[in-house]
Amino acid sequence: MLNDVGTILNQYPSTYIDIVGYADSQGSDAYNLDLSNRRANAVAGYLVGQKVKAERIYVAGMGEAHQIA
């Protein structure tokens, strides 16, 4: 799926994206914030590996905030 995202982003070079990572409530707040940052950065790193310019990607970790479930 991320390969397809990378392909589309490379077809539209003026498009910017936000990648936001989350974690559940297991573990400490600090650990979950770090985990969510690592998750978001892993996705961003993959897309950069697909030749998407890093300047077009905003990365954030939300930890336990704004959970869906």
C-alpha atoms as a PDB file:
ATOM      1  CA  MET A   1       0.000   0.000   0.000  1.00  0.00           C
ATOM      2  CA  LEU A   2       2.822   2.429   0.811  1.00  0.00           C
ATOM      3  CA  ASN A   3       4.361   1.710  -2.580  1.00  0.00           C
ATOM      4  CA  ASP A   4       1.145   2.975  -4.164  1.00  0.00           C
ATOM      5  CA  VAL A   5       1.171   6.066  -1.940  1.00  0.00           C
ATOM      6  CA  GLY A   6       4.767   6.776  -2.956  1.00  0.00           C
ATOM      7  CA  THR A   7       3.917   6.392  -6.630  1.00  0.00           C
ATOM      8  CA  ILE A   8       0.993   8.790  -6.368  1.00  0.00           C
ATOM      9  CA  LEU A   9       3.006  11.349  -4.411  1.00  0.00           C
ATOM     10  CA  ASN A  10       5.730  11.218  -7.043  1.00  0.00           C
ATOM     11  CA  GLN A  11       3.115  11.855  -9.733  1.00  0.00           C
ATOM     12  CA  TYR A  12       1.943  14.964  -7.852  1.00  0.00           C
ATOM     13  CA  PRO A  13       5.151  16.653  -6.694  1.00  0.00           C
ATOM     14  CA  SER A  14       3.427  19.699  -5.201  1.00  0.00           C
ATOM     15  CA  THR A  15       1.375  17.584  -2.767  1.00  0.00           C
ATOM     16  CA  TYR A  16       2.311  17.627   0.909  1.00  0.00           C
ATOM     17  CA  ILE A  17       1.180  15.026   3.448  1.00  0.00           C
ATOM     18  CA  ASP A  18       0.858  14.615   7.195  1.00  0.00           C
ATOM     19  CA  ILE A  19       1.831  11.331   8.794  1.00  0.00           C
ATOM     20  CA  VAL A  20       0.564  11.014  12.347  1.00  0.00           C
ATOM     21  CA  GLY A  21       1.374   8.059  14.575  1.00  0.00           C
ATOM     22  CA  TYR A  22      -0.684   6.851  17.531  1.00  0.00           C
ATOM     23  CA  ALA A  23      -0.394   4.323  20.361  1.00  0.00           C
ATOM     24  CA  ASP A  24      -2.848   2.689  22.700  1.00  0.00           C
ATOM     25  CA  SER A  25      -2.957   3.266  26.445  1.00  0.00           C
ATOM     26  CA  GLN A  26      -0.705   0.332  27.334  1.00  0.00           C
ATOM     27  CA  GLY A  27       2.519   1.561  28.935  1.00  0.00           C
ATOM     28  CA  SER A  28       3.555   5.011  30.114  1.00  0.00           C
ATOM     29  CA  ASP A  29       2.629   8.247  28.397  1.00  0.00           C
ATOM     30  CA  ALA A  30       6.286   8.915  27.579  1.00  0.00           C
ATOM     31  CA  TYR A  31       6.785   5.467  26.047  1.00  0.00           C
ATOM     32  CA  ASN A  32       3.619   5.761  23.958  1.00  0.00           C
ATOM     33  CA  LEU A  33       4.568   9.198  22.681  1.00  0.00           C
ATOM     34  CA  ASP A  34       7.975   7.869  21.624  1.00  0.00           C
ATOM     35  CA  LEU A  35       6.353   4.793  20.051  1.00  0.00           C
ATOM     36  CA  SER A  36       3.912   6.889  18.051  1.00  0.00           C
ATOM     37  CA  ASN A  37       6.767   9.106  16.824  1.00  0.00           C
ATOM     38  CA  ARG A  38       8.759   6.054  15.761  1.00  0.00           C
ATOM     39  CA  ARG A  39       5.767   4.643  13.905  1.00  0.00           C
ATOM     40  CA  ALA A  40       5.167   7.874  12.008  1.00  0.00           C
ATOM     41  CA  ASN A  41       8.878   8.251  11.220  1.00  0.00           C
ATOM     42  CA  ALA A  42       9.035   4.663   9.943  1.00  0.00           C
ATOM     43  CA  VAL A  43       6.274   5.401   7.432  1.00  0.00           C
ATOM     44  CA  ALA A  44       7.918   8.681   6.416  1.00  0.00           C
ATOM     45  CA  GLY A  45      11.278   6.955   6.028  1.00  0.00           C
ATOM     46  CA  TYR A  46       9.728   4.337   3.783  1.00  0.00           C
ATOM     47  CA  LEU A  47       8.195   7.002   1.558  1.00  0.00           C
ATOM     48  CA  VAL A  48      11.504   8.867   1.382  1.00  0.00           C
ATOM     49  CA  GLY A  49      13.011   5.567   0.265  1.00  0.00           C
ATOM     50  CA  GLN A  50      10.420   5.645  -2.538  1.00  0.00           C
ATOM     51  CA  LYS A  51      11.906   8.994  -3.648  1.00  0.00           C
ATOM     52  CA  VAL A  52       9.290  11.228  -1.989  1.00  0.00           C
ATOM     53  CA  LYS A  53      11.092  14.363  -0.784  1.00  0.00           C
ATOM     54  CA  ALA A  54      11.216  14.581   3.001  1.00  0.00           C
ATOM     55  CA  GLU A  55      10.344  18.286   2.845  1.00  0.00           C
ATOM     56  CA  ARG A  56       6.874  17.302   1.641  1.00  0.00           C
ATOM     57  CA  ILE A  57       6.162  15.172   4.701  1.00  0.00           C
ATOM     58  CA  TYR A  58       5.060  16.438   8.126  1.00  0.00           C
ATOM     59  CA  VAL A  59       5.547  13.817  10.845  1.00  0.00           C
ATOM     60  CA  ALA A  60       4.022  13.816  14.317  1.00  0.00           C
ATOM     61  CA  GLY A  61       3.413  11.359  17.113  1.00  0.00           C
ATOM     62  CA  MET A  62       0.275  11.767  19.191  1.00  0.00           C
ATOM     63  CA  GLY A  63       0.930   9.073  21.781  1.00  0.00           C
ATOM     64  CA  GLU A  64      -2.341   8.148  23.410  1.00  0.00           C
ATOM     65  CA  ALA A  65      -4.113  11.366  22.404  1.00  0.00           C
ATOM     66  CA  HIS A  66      -7.133  11.296  20.084  1.00  0.00           C
ATOM     67  CA  GLN A  67      -7.559   7.529  20.140  1.00  0.00           C
ATOM     68  CA  ILE A  68     -10.310   6.123  17.982  1.00  0.00           C
ATOM     69  CA  ALA A  69     -11.026   3.150  20.258  1.00  0.00           C
END
